């Protein structure tokens, strides 16, 4: 069967990796992107430039495309930025999700829809309740996490009320080549690449709390999980995708230092500390492993090397 998959947020960090993988698997991929500046390396047959906050436009695209499956990735993606712009975060993540799900209900009612939220919706759970599973209570600690929790509830409610084929997926932290440097690991990787290009001996990086522990998975493993969930009958309909263990930022920095001859000098500043940040978060991927056999395959060191190499290439091709 020639399956047509519509991906929202197709030019984003995750979207580009997912579109590439879906094309490799022989799907016909249609992308929705917020900007006109479409990144052509994402191997997509058709592009639509659209703001998912525009319900009418989203519905008309779905009416035209008639997808067999939809992966809803578009959204505001930064926890940090959500504190400064909660209104925009909620509009994009909640109303945007409502528009995509409701357009699917009316225009593509038989399509399988993957509603991608975030494990930030569980960030405030008691450390004694770790690992996170989808049985955990929603307990966001940021406007971003709250908006994702609301989108998660909304997708579940549409599934119940309208009998739609909706699978909700909450990934934990994903990292890898192509991630914007407003996130901490690419920020460090980019500064290493820039210092090397400038022939420096030392790179100094200012960060917040580096003793927090997080569950990191390579983006290429994460999108493989999304692609695996697009086909076949499903017993379960809600999943986490993660590595199943946490690692401190301090340890990540130590490993990143191993990718370069530079001395990596870290300073911590109070203004970069986030309010009420969870000290440790990790999840369980038991459900998706049981369902489709997925497990993480890419070693963390490989991810970090590929991320630094990505920024080395970026630094050489343009002045970052």
Protein backbone atom coordinates (compact mmCIF):
# COMPACT_ATOMS: atom_id res chain seq x y z
CA UNK A 1 0.00 0.00 0.00
CA UNK A 2 1.33 3.41 -0.94
CA UNK A 3 0.80 5.37 2.23
CA UNK A 4 0.62 9.15 2.30
CA UNK A 5 1.85 10.69 5.54
CA UNK A 6 1.28 14.34 6.46
CA UNK A 7 3.89 15.74 8.85
CA UNK A 8 3.27 19.05 10.63
CA UNK A 9 6.40 20.88 11.71
CA UNK A 10 8.22 19.13 8.87
CA UNK A 11 11.14 21.56 8.75
CA UNK A 12 11.84 21.38 12.48
CA UNK A 13 14.65 19.42 14.13
CA UNK A 14 12.56 16.26 14.53
CA UNK A 15 10.48 16.82 11.40
CA UNK A 16 13.49 16.78 9.06
CA UNK A 17 14.77 13.50 10.53
CA UNK A 18 11.28 11.95 10.41
CA UNK A 19 10.55 13.01 6.81
CA UNK A 20 13.87 11.57 5.66
CA UNK A 21 13.16 8.24 7.38
CA UNK A 22 9.58 8.01 6.05
CA UNK A 23 10.84 8.64 2.51
CA UNK A 24 13.46 5.90 2.98
CA UNK A 25 10.63 3.56 4.03
CA UNK A 26 8.79 4.30 0.78
CA UNK A 27 6.03 6.57 2.06
CA UNK A 28 4.81 9.58 0.18
CA UNK A 29 5.41 12.50 2.55
CA UNK A 30 3.62 15.84 2.62
CA UNK A 31 5.00 18.53 4.92
CA UNK A 32 3.42 21.49 6.66
CA UNK A 33 5.89 24.13 7.79
CA UNK A 34 5.42 27.48 9.48
CA UNK A 35 8.01 29.31 7.39
CA UNK A 36 8.25 29.78 3.64
CA UNK A 37 11.95 29.11 3.98
CA UNK A 38 11.57 25.39 3.41
CA UNK A 39 14.62 23.26 4.04
CA UNK A 40 14.71 21.10 0.91
CA UNK A 41 16.94 18.39 2.35
CA UNK A 42 13.93 16.95 4.15
CA UNK A 43 12.92 14.83 1.15
CA UNK A 44 9.26 15.75 0.97
CA UNK A 45 7.00 15.47 -2.09
CA UNK A 46 4.74 18.42 -1.33
CA UNK A 47 5.08 21.44 0.93
CA UNK A 48 2.48 23.68 2.48
CA UNK A 49 3.42 26.81 4.35
CA UNK A 50 0.83 27.22 7.10
CA UNK A 51 0.35 28.42 10.64
CA UNK A 52 -1.35 25.60 12.56
CA UNK A 53 -3.17 28.25 14.61
CA UNK A 54 -5.26 28.95 11.46
CA UNK A 55 -8.05 26.34 11.69
CA UNK A 56 -9.52 27.00 8.25
CA UNK A 57 -6.17 26.72 6.50
CA UNK A 58 -5.28 23.47 8.30
CA UNK A 59 -8.67 21.95 7.37
CA UNK A 60 -8.32 22.94 3.71
CA UNK A 61 -4.84 21.39 3.48
CA UNK A 62 -6.13 18.11 4.96
CA UNK A 63 -9.12 18.15 2.63
CA UNK A 64 -6.76 18.45 -0.32
CA UNK A 65 -4.06 16.02 0.84
CA UNK A 66 -6.33 13.26 2.21
CA UNK A 67 -3.51 11.66 4.22
CA UNK A 68 -3.53 8.02 5.40
CA UNK A 69 -1.59 9.06 8.48
CA UNK A 70 -0.65 12.30 10.24
CA UNK A 71 2.28 12.99 12.55
CA UNK A 72 1.64 16.18 14.48
CA UNK A 73 5.03 17.60 15.47
CA UNK A 74 4.49 21.33 14.98
CA UNK A 75 4.57 23.45 18.09
CA UNK A 76 6.50 25.73 20.40
CA UNK A 77 9.32 23.49 21.60
CA UNK A 78 11.27 25.35 24.27
CA UNK A 79 10.62 25.03 28.00
CA UNK A 80 12.80 28.08 28.67
CA UNK A 81 11.07 30.29 26.11
CA UNK A 82 7.64 29.30 27.45
CA UNK A 83 8.23 31.23 30.68
CA UNK A 84 8.72 34.44 28.68
CA UNK A 85 5.83 33.79 26.24
CA UNK A 86 3.22 31.52 27.86
CA UNK A 87 0.39 32.90 25.71
CA UNK A 88 2.12 32.06 22.43
CA UNK A 89 3.15 28.64 23.76
CA UNK A 90 -0.45 27.76 24.69
CA UNK A 91 -1.91 29.08 21.43
CA UNK A 92 0.52 27.08 19.31
CA UNK A 93 0.55 23.87 21.33
CA UNK A 94 -3.10 23.67 22.38
CA UNK A 95 -5.12 25.54 19.75
CA UNK A 96 -2.69 24.31 17.07
CA UNK A 97 -3.24 20.70 18.19
CA UNK A 98 -7.00 21.24 18.35
CA UNK A 99 -6.97 22.54 14.77
CA UNK A 100 -4.97 19.56 13.46
CA UNK A 101 -7.01 16.94 15.34
CA UNK A 102 -10.35 18.51 14.46
CA UNK A 103 -9.34 18.86 10.80
CA UNK A 104 -8.44 15.16 10.84
CA UNK A 105 -11.88 14.38 12.33
CA UNK A 106 -13.71 16.14 9.51
CA UNK A 107 -11.34 15.73 6.52
CA UNK A 108 -9.41 12.49 7.14
CA UNK A 109 -11.44 10.53 9.71
CA UNK A 110 -9.78 7.19 8.88
CA UNK A 111 -6.20 8.49 9.14
CA UNK A 112 -4.03 7.34 12.02
CA UNK A 113 -2.88 10.42 13.90
CA UNK A 114 0.24 10.47 16.06
CA UNK A 115 -0.15 13.31 18.57
CA UNK A 116 3.37 14.04 19.77
CA UNK A 117 3.47 15.78 23.13
CA UNK A 118 6.31 15.75 25.68
CA UNK A 119 7.29 14.04 28.91
CA UNK A 120 7.54 17.59 30.32
CA UNK A 121 3.86 16.98 31.05
CA UNK A 122 5.10 14.68 33.87
CA UNK A 123 8.06 16.81 35.04
CA UNK A 124 6.71 17.36 38.55
CA UNK A 125 6.14 13.74 39.52
CA UNK A 126 7.61 12.52 42.77
CA UNK A 127 11.15 11.14 42.25
CA UNK A 128 10.04 7.98 44.06
CA UNK A 129 7.52 7.41 41.22
CA UNK A 130 10.21 7.24 38.52
CA UNK A 131 10.47 5.94 35.86
CA UNK A 132 7.72 7.92 34.14
CA UNK A 133 5.08 5.77 32.42
CA UNK A 134 1.85 6.85 30.75
CA UNK A 135 0.06 5.72 33.95
CA UNK A 136 1.67 8.65 35.81
CA UNK A 137 -0.39 11.70 36.68
CA UNK A 138 0.12 14.78 34.55
CA UNK A 139 2.27 17.18 36.59
CA UNK A 140 3.81 19.91 34.42
CA UNK A 141 6.25 22.45 35.89
CA UNK A 142 6.31 25.02 33.05
CA UNK A 143 3.91 26.74 30.65
CA UNK A 144 5.39 24.49 27.94
CA UNK A 145 4.73 21.33 29.99
CA UNK A 146 1.20 22.50 30.82
CA UNK A 147 0.43 23.23 27.17
CA UNK A 148 1.64 19.74 26.21
CA UNK A 149 -0.45 18.18 28.97
CA UNK A 150 -3.50 20.03 27.64
CA UNK A 151 -2.76 18.85 24.07
CA UNK A 152 -2.41 15.29 25.39
CA UNK A 153 -5.80 15.46 27.15
CA UNK A 154 -7.39 16.99 24.04
CA UNK A 155 -6.08 14.23 21.74
CA UNK A 156 -7.30 11.57 24.16
CA UNK A 157 -10.72 13.18 24.40
CA UNK A 158 -11.11 13.25 20.59
CA UNK A 159 -10.12 9.58 20.48
CA UNK A 160 -12.80 8.72 23.07
CA UNK A 161 -15.56 10.97 21.75
CA UNK A 162 -15.17 10.41 18.01
CA UNK A 163 -13.56 6.96 17.85
CA UNK A 164 -10.55 8.35 15.99
CA UNK A 165 -7.35 6.35 15.48
CA UNK A 166 -5.15 8.57 17.64
CA UNK A 167 -1.90 7.44 19.25
CA UNK A 168 -0.42 9.76 21.85
CA UNK A 169 3.36 9.75 22.18
CA UNK A 170 5.31 11.62 24.85
CA UNK A 171 9.05 11.57 24.13
CA UNK A 172 11.68 12.50 26.68
CA UNK A 173 14.66 14.71 25.77
CA UNK A 174 15.91 14.14 22.26
CA UNK A 175 19.25 15.27 20.95
CA UNK A 176 21.35 14.95 17.82
CA UNK A 177 22.57 16.70 14.67
CA UNK A 178 20.36 19.56 13.51
CA UNK A 179 19.01 20.68 16.89
CA UNK A 180 18.85 24.46 17.44
CA UNK A 181 21.47 25.88 19.79
CA UNK A 182 18.92 27.35 22.16
CA UNK A 183 18.99 23.87 23.71
CA UNK A 184 21.86 23.09 26.04
CA UNK A 185 23.72 20.25 24.29
CA UNK A 186 23.82 21.86 20.80
CA UNK A 187 24.70 25.16 22.51
CA UNK A 188 27.83 23.55 24.00
CA UNK A 189 28.61 21.65 20.76
CA UNK A 190 28.34 24.83 18.70
CA UNK A 191 30.64 26.75 21.06
CA UNK A 192 33.21 23.94 20.85
CA UNK A 193 33.05 24.02 17.02
CA UNK A 194 33.33 27.82 16.95
CA UNK A 195 36.29 27.89 19.36
CA UNK A 196 38.08 25.26 17.22
CA UNK A 197 37.42 27.28 14.07
CA UNK A 198 38.78 30.40 15.82
CA UNK A 199 41.92 28.44 16.83
CA UNK A 200 41.23 28.93 20.55
CA UNK A 201 42.65 26.66 23.24
CA UNK A 202 39.83 27.06 25.71
CA UNK A 203 36.06 27.28 25.35
CA UNK A 204 34.14 28.92 28.21
CA UNK A 205 30.45 28.14 28.51
CA UNK A 206 27.98 29.68 30.94
CA UNK A 207 25.18 27.34 32.05
CA UNK A 208 22.55 26.90 34.73
CA UNK A 209 22.28 23.82 36.96
CA UNK A 210 24.49 21.08 35.49
CA UNK A 211 23.70 18.49 38.16
CA UNK A 212 20.15 17.89 36.91
CA UNK A 213 19.71 14.45 35.38
CA UNK A 214 17.71 13.84 32.20
CA UNK A 215 16.81 10.96 29.90
CA UNK A 216 18.41 11.61 26.49
CA UNK A 217 17.64 9.72 23.27
CA UNK A 218 19.07 10.24 19.79
CA UNK A 219 16.50 11.95 17.53
CA UNK A 220 17.12 9.27 14.88
CA UNK A 221 16.00 6.60 17.36
CA UNK A 222 12.96 8.69 18.35
CA UNK A 223 11.69 9.13 14.78
CA UNK A 224 12.15 5.41 14.17
CA UNK A 225 9.69 4.89 17.03
CA UNK A 226 7.20 7.29 15.41
CA UNK A 227 7.51 5.55 12.05
CA UNK A 228 7.05 2.10 13.66
CA UNK A 229 3.78 3.24 15.29
CA UNK A 230 2.26 4.39 11.98
CA UNK A 231 1.31 0.89 10.84
CA UNK A 232 -0.33 -2.19 12.27
CA UNK A 233 -2.97 -2.85 14.90
CA UNK A 234 -2.20 -1.44 18.32
CA UNK A 235 -3.11 -2.91 21.70
CA UNK A 236 -1.90 0.19 23.54
CA UNK A 237 -2.51 3.71 22.29
CA UNK A 238 -0.24 5.81 24.53
CA UNK A 239 3.55 5.57 24.61
CA UNK A 240 6.71 7.11 25.95
CA UNK A 241 9.88 7.11 23.86
CA UNK A 242 13.08 7.42 25.85
CA UNK A 243 16.36 5.72 26.78
CA UNK A 244 15.10 4.43 30.11
CA UNK A 245 17.88 6.01 32.17
CA UNK A 246 19.05 9.44 33.22
CA UNK A 247 22.45 11.07 33.00
CA UNK A 248 23.64 14.33 34.53
CA UNK A 249 24.42 17.34 32.40
CA UNK A 250 27.81 17.38 34.11
CA UNK A 251 28.55 13.89 32.69
CA UNK A 252 27.32 14.94 29.22
CA UNK A 253 29.71 17.91 29.32
CA UNK A 254 32.56 15.58 30.33
CA UNK A 255 31.80 13.39 27.31
CA UNK A 256 31.49 16.38 24.98
CA UNK A 257 34.92 17.51 26.20
CA UNK A 258 36.20 14.16 24.94
CA UNK A 259 35.26 15.12 21.36
CA UNK A 260 37.75 18.02 21.26
CA UNK A 261 41.34 18.92 22.21
CA UNK A 262 40.10 22.18 23.72
CA UNK A 263 39.80 22.77 27.43
CA UNK A 264 36.10 23.10 28.18
CA UNK A 265 35.54 25.55 31.00
CA UNK A 266 32.04 25.65 32.51
CA UNK A 267 30.68 28.44 34.68
CA UNK A 268 27.26 28.34 36.30
CA UNK A 269 25.12 31.41 36.66
CA UNK A 270 22.07 31.97 38.82
CA UNK A 271 20.03 33.68 36.10
CA UNK A 272 20.20 30.54 33.95
CA UNK A 273 18.72 28.40 36.73
CA UNK A 274 15.05 27.61 36.07
CA UNK A 275 12.38 27.92 38.74
CA UNK A 276 11.28 24.63 40.36
CA UNK A 277 13.23 22.41 37.97
CA UNK A 278 13.05 18.64 38.54
CA UNK A 279 16.40 17.22 39.68
CA UNK A 280 15.96 13.86 37.94
CA UNK A 281 13.68 12.59 35.16
CA UNK A 282 13.74 9.32 33.26
CA UNK A 283 11.08 7.19 31.63
CA UNK A 284 10.24 3.62 30.69
CA UNK A 285 10.03 2.50 27.07
CA UNK A 286 8.54 -0.90 28.04
CA UNK A 287 5.18 -0.19 26.34
CA UNK A 288 6.58 0.67 22.90
CA UNK A 289 9.11 -2.15 23.15
CA UNK A 290 6.30 -4.62 23.82
CA UNK A 291 4.15 -3.14 21.04
CA UNK A 292 6.61 -2.79 18.12
CA UNK A 293 9.95 -4.05 19.46
CA UNK A 294 11.46 -0.55 19.61
CA UNK A 295 14.44 0.16 21.79
CA UNK A 296 17.16 2.83 21.60
CA UNK A 297 20.08 1.73 19.42
CA UNK A 298 22.37 4.73 18.99
CA UNK A 299 25.04 5.09 21.66
CA UNK A 300 25.11 8.44 23.51
CA UNK A 301 28.76 9.05 22.60
CA UNK A 302 27.90 8.55 18.91
CA UNK A 303 25.11 11.14 19.25
CA UNK A 304 27.44 13.66 20.90
CA UNK A 305 30.18 13.17 18.28
CA UNK A 306 27.64 13.56 15.44
CA UNK A 307 26.25 16.72 17.10
CA UNK A 308 29.69 18.35 17.40
CA UNK A 309 30.50 17.30 13.81
CA UNK A 310 27.23 18.88 12.64
CA UNK A 311 28.25 22.20 14.22
CA UNK A 312 31.78 21.91 12.80
CA UNK A 313 30.23 21.67 9.34
CA UNK A 314 27.83 24.55 10.06
CA UNK A 315 30.72 26.68 11.32
CA UNK A 316 32.75 26.00 8.18
CA UNK A 317 29.86 26.64 5.76
CA UNK A 318 28.67 29.82 7.39
CA UNK A 319 29.78 32.12 10.11
CA UNK A 320 27.59 31.05 13.05
